[in-house]
Protein backbone atom coordinates (compact mmCIF):
# COMPACT_ATOMS: atom_id res chain seq x y z
CA MET A 1 -14.89 -41.80 -139.82
CA VAL A 2 -12.58 -44.77 -139.16
CA SER A 3 -10.56 -44.80 -135.95
CA ARG A 4 -7.25 -46.60 -135.96
CA LEU A 5 -5.72 -48.51 -133.11
CA ARG A 6 -1.98 -49.16 -133.11
CA ILE A 7 -0.76 -51.75 -130.62
CA SER A 8 2.87 -52.82 -130.24
CA THR A 9 3.54 -56.40 -129.19
CA ALA A 10 6.44 -58.80 -128.82
CA ASP A 11 5.87 -62.51 -129.31
CA TYR A 12 7.85 -65.07 -127.32
CA HIS A 13 7.80 -68.84 -127.01
CA THR A 14 8.64 -70.88 -123.93
CA ALA A 15 9.34 -74.43 -125.11
CA GLY A 16 6.72 -73.90 -127.81
CA GLU A 17 4.13 -72.20 -125.58
CA PRO A 18 3.17 -68.82 -127.11
CA PHE A 19 3.15 -65.55 -125.21
CA ARG A 20 2.29 -62.09 -126.57
CA ILE A 21 3.54 -59.06 -124.63
CA VAL A 22 1.73 -55.74 -125.14
CA SER A 23 4.60 -53.25 -125.16
CA GLY A 24 2.79 -50.14 -126.44
CA GLY A 25 -0.49 -48.60 -127.56
CA VAL A 26 -2.42 -49.32 -124.37
CA GLY A 27 -2.62 -46.57 -121.75
CA PRO A 28 -1.52 -47.16 -118.15
CA LEU A 29 -3.85 -49.40 -116.19
CA SER A 30 -5.54 -47.67 -113.26
CA GLY A 31 -5.40 -48.88 -109.67
CA ARG A 32 -2.79 -49.31 -106.97
CA SER A 33 -2.97 -53.09 -106.80
CA ILE A 34 -2.52 -55.54 -109.65
CA LEU A 35 -6.03 -56.87 -109.02
CA LYS A 36 -7.44 -53.37 -109.55
CA LYS A 37 -5.36 -52.99 -112.70
CA ARG A 38 -6.75 -56.30 -113.95
CA ARG A 39 -10.31 -55.02 -113.36
CA ASP A 40 -9.43 -51.86 -115.27
CA ALA A 41 -8.02 -53.90 -118.17
CA ARG A 42 -11.24 -55.92 -118.33
CA LYS A 43 -13.32 -52.75 -118.34
CA ARG A 44 -11.34 -50.56 -120.76
CA PHE A 45 -9.11 -52.80 -122.87
CA ASP A 46 -10.93 -56.08 -123.35
CA HIS A 47 -11.28 -55.25 -127.06
CA VAL A 48 -7.46 -55.27 -127.24
CA ARG A 49 -7.33 -58.67 -125.55
CA ARG A 50 -9.83 -60.11 -128.01
CA MET A 51 -8.00 -58.62 -130.99
CA LEU A 52 -4.66 -60.09 -129.90
CA ILE A 53 -5.95 -63.48 -128.79
CA TYR A 54 -8.63 -64.42 -131.31
CA GLU A 55 -8.05 -65.35 -134.93
CA PRO A 56 -6.85 -64.17 -137.39
CA GLY A 57 -4.04 -62.59 -135.34
CA GLY A 58 -4.16 -65.12 -132.53
CA HIS A 59 -5.39 -68.64 -131.84
CA SER A 60 -6.96 -70.76 -129.10
CA ASP A 61 -3.64 -71.36 -127.30
CA MET A 62 -2.44 -67.74 -127.32
CA TYR A 63 -1.60 -66.09 -124.00
CA GLY A 64 -0.64 -62.49 -123.31
CA TRP A 65 0.27 -59.79 -120.85
CA PHE A 66 -0.30 -56.08 -120.30
CA VAL A 67 2.79 -54.35 -118.90
CA THR A 68 2.07 -52.46 -115.66
CA GLU A 69 3.91 -50.74 -112.88
CA PRO A 70 4.62 -52.83 -109.77
CA GLU A 71 2.60 -52.26 -106.63
CA ASP A 72 5.59 -50.74 -104.83
CA GLU A 73 9.36 -50.33 -105.08
CA GLY A 74 9.91 -53.91 -103.97
CA ALA A 75 9.22 -55.24 -107.49
CA ASP A 76 10.57 -54.44 -110.95
CA LEU A 77 7.33 -54.65 -112.94
CA GLY A 78 3.75 -55.82 -112.88
CA ALA A 79 1.78 -58.14 -115.11
CA VAL A 80 -1.88 -58.57 -116.04
CA PHE A 81 -2.19 -61.89 -117.86
CA PHE A 82 -4.92 -62.67 -120.38
CA HIS A 83 -6.01 -65.53 -122.62
CA ASN A 84 -8.92 -66.65 -124.79
CA GLU A 85 -11.35 -66.91 -121.84
CA GLY A 86 -10.42 -63.68 -120.04
CA TYR A 87 -7.83 -62.87 -117.39
CA SER A 88 -5.81 -65.25 -115.25
CA THR A 89 -4.04 -64.97 -111.92
CA ALA A 90 -0.68 -65.78 -113.49
CA CYS A 91 1.08 -67.90 -116.10
CA GLY A 92 4.20 -70.01 -115.70
CA HIS A 93 5.49 -69.99 -119.26
CA GLY A 94 4.46 -66.33 -119.54
CA THR A 95 6.53 -65.45 -116.47
CA ILE A 96 9.61 -66.96 -118.10
CA ALA A 97 8.89 -65.09 -121.34
CA LEU A 98 8.28 -61.72 -119.71
CA VAL A 99 11.47 -61.92 -117.61
CA THR A 100 13.41 -62.61 -120.80
CA TRP A 101 11.62 -59.72 -122.53
CA ALA A 102 12.30 -57.32 -119.64
CA ILE A 103 16.02 -58.11 -119.75
CA ASP A 104 16.19 -58.11 -123.56
CA GLY A 105 14.55 -54.67 -123.56
CA GLY A 106 16.77 -53.21 -120.86
CA LEU A 107 14.02 -52.80 -118.26
CA VAL A 108 16.08 -54.96 -115.93
CA GLU A 109 19.85 -55.14 -115.76
CA THR A 110 21.26 -57.70 -118.17
CA PRO A 111 22.91 -60.72 -116.56
CA ASP A 112 26.46 -61.01 -117.90
CA GLU A 113 27.70 -64.55 -117.35
CA GLY A 114 25.77 -64.56 -114.08
CA GLU A 115 22.29 -64.27 -112.61
CA ALA A 116 19.84 -61.40 -112.29
CA GLU A 117 16.83 -61.33 -109.98
CA VAL A 118 13.53 -59.98 -111.30
CA ARG A 119 10.54 -59.42 -109.02
CA ILE A 120 7.12 -59.35 -110.64
CA ASP A 121 3.73 -58.40 -109.18
CA VAL A 122 0.98 -60.60 -110.61
CA PRO A 123 -2.65 -61.02 -109.47
CA SER A 124 -1.75 -64.05 -107.32
CA GLY A 125 1.12 -62.30 -105.54
CA ARG A 126 4.77 -61.37 -105.96
CA LEU A 127 7.07 -63.73 -107.81
CA LEU A 128 10.84 -63.91 -107.59
CA ALA A 129 12.43 -64.94 -110.87
CA VAL A 130 16.11 -65.53 -111.56
CA ALA A 131 17.55 -65.20 -115.08
CA ARG A 132 20.89 -66.69 -116.01
CA GLY A 133 22.88 -64.99 -118.73
CA GLU A 134 25.53 -66.16 -121.11
CA GLY A 135 27.26 -63.73 -123.44
CA ARG A 136 24.85 -60.96 -122.35
CA ARG A 137 21.82 -63.00 -123.42
CA VAL A 138 19.23 -64.74 -121.28
CA ARG A 139 19.76 -68.49 -121.43
CA CYS A 140 17.35 -69.69 -118.76
CA VAL A 141 14.83 -68.39 -116.24
CA ARG A 142 13.49 -69.97 -113.08
CA PHE A 143 10.98 -68.59 -110.59
CA ARG A 144 9.50 -69.37 -107.18
CA ASN A 145 5.75 -69.74 -107.24
CA VAL A 146 3.35 -68.68 -104.50
CA PRO A 147 2.58 -71.36 -101.86
CA SER A 148 0.48 -74.25 -103.19
CA TYR A 149 -1.77 -76.75 -101.43
CA VAL A 150 -4.39 -79.46 -101.97
CA ASP A 151 -7.88 -78.13 -101.23
CA GLY A 152 -9.87 -80.74 -99.33
CA ASP A 153 -10.90 -84.26 -100.30
CA PRO A 154 -11.12 -85.45 -103.93
CA LEU A 155 -14.36 -84.72 -105.79
CA GLU A 156 -16.27 -87.27 -107.84
CA VAL A 157 -16.83 -86.09 -111.40
CA ASP A 158 -19.01 -87.64 -114.09
CA THR A 159 -17.38 -87.87 -117.52
CA PRO A 160 -18.29 -89.66 -120.78
CA ARG A 161 -15.79 -92.32 -119.66
CA GLY A 162 -17.39 -92.85 -116.28
CA ARG A 163 -17.10 -91.36 -112.82
CA VAL A 164 -13.59 -90.38 -111.73
CA LYS A 165 -11.97 -88.66 -108.76
CA ALA A 166 -10.56 -85.17 -109.21
CA VAL A 167 -8.09 -83.64 -106.78
CA VAL A 168 -8.51 -79.87 -106.47
CA SER A 169 -5.33 -77.95 -105.68
CA PHE A 170 -4.25 -74.32 -105.58
CA GLY A 171 -1.16 -72.94 -107.26
CA ARG A 172 -1.90 -69.31 -108.19
CA ALA A 173 -5.27 -70.62 -109.41
CA PHE A 174 -7.46 -73.63 -108.66
CA TYR A 175 -6.84 -76.78 -110.71
CA ALA A 176 -8.65 -80.09 -110.93
CA GLN A 177 -6.33 -83.03 -111.52
CA VAL A 178 -7.44 -86.44 -112.76
CA GLU A 179 -5.24 -89.47 -113.39
CA ALA A 180 -5.26 -90.18 -117.12
CA VAL A 181 -5.26 -93.92 -116.43
CA ALA A 182 -8.59 -93.50 -114.59
CA LEU A 183 -10.00 -92.33 -117.92
CA GLY A 184 -8.46 -95.24 -119.79
CA LEU A 185 -5.98 -92.92 -121.53
CA ALA A 186 -2.30 -92.05 -121.52
CA VAL A 187 -0.79 -88.58 -121.80
CA GLU A 188 0.33 -89.07 -125.39
CA ALA A 189 -0.09 -87.10 -128.60
CA GLY A 190 -2.44 -89.73 -130.02
CA HIS A 191 -4.91 -89.13 -127.21
CA LEU A 192 -4.80 -85.33 -127.41
CA PRO A 193 -8.31 -84.76 -128.90
CA GLU A 194 -9.91 -86.95 -126.21
CA LEU A 195 -7.88 -85.34 -123.44
CA VAL A 196 -8.93 -81.86 -124.55
CA GLU A 197 -12.60 -82.88 -124.72
CA LEU A 198 -12.47 -84.51 -121.28
CA ARG A 199 -10.67 -81.51 -119.83
CA CYS A 200 -13.63 -79.35 -120.82
CA GLU A 201 -16.08 -81.86 -119.32
CA ILE A 202 -14.19 -82.04 -116.02
CA LYS A 203 -13.80 -78.26 -115.83
């Protein structure tokens, strides 16, 4: 006997960055906090994540989101973000996409030639986003991130191009930042394959 799974999604792009919103077919995530909901998603719906992210329906750069309730009445909605490696604390381009989706779908009041505030609970905290409308359509979205900081002294990292210094900082997740010039490269399309390979080495 073959079981069928029907999942509804909406695909958005933020300046070319893909984002897939799961709008139906996945039951409510359990847990009062977003972190508990993320654990529940990993336990019960990881097959959905893999189906939506991996080829043939997805690709290595695909990102997505399970719609959830907010943690309390102080927010409009909650988000559990996922990608090809698992689940993340948040996503900048995804935040912009989901605010647009929430207004497009009527979950949040449509800005009419003005601005609308949207509060979102994500694993890293609560975000305040502001959408600007024009002709009852979202034209731009901005949001305030959680506090960010540099975490200690730079680390020395061995790469195929020699030893370099990496600055570790926090901004909803931990990031290692290396100057491209220290690797003998520039942030240009022609260097993309090398930059991707070195990113994996540094990570």
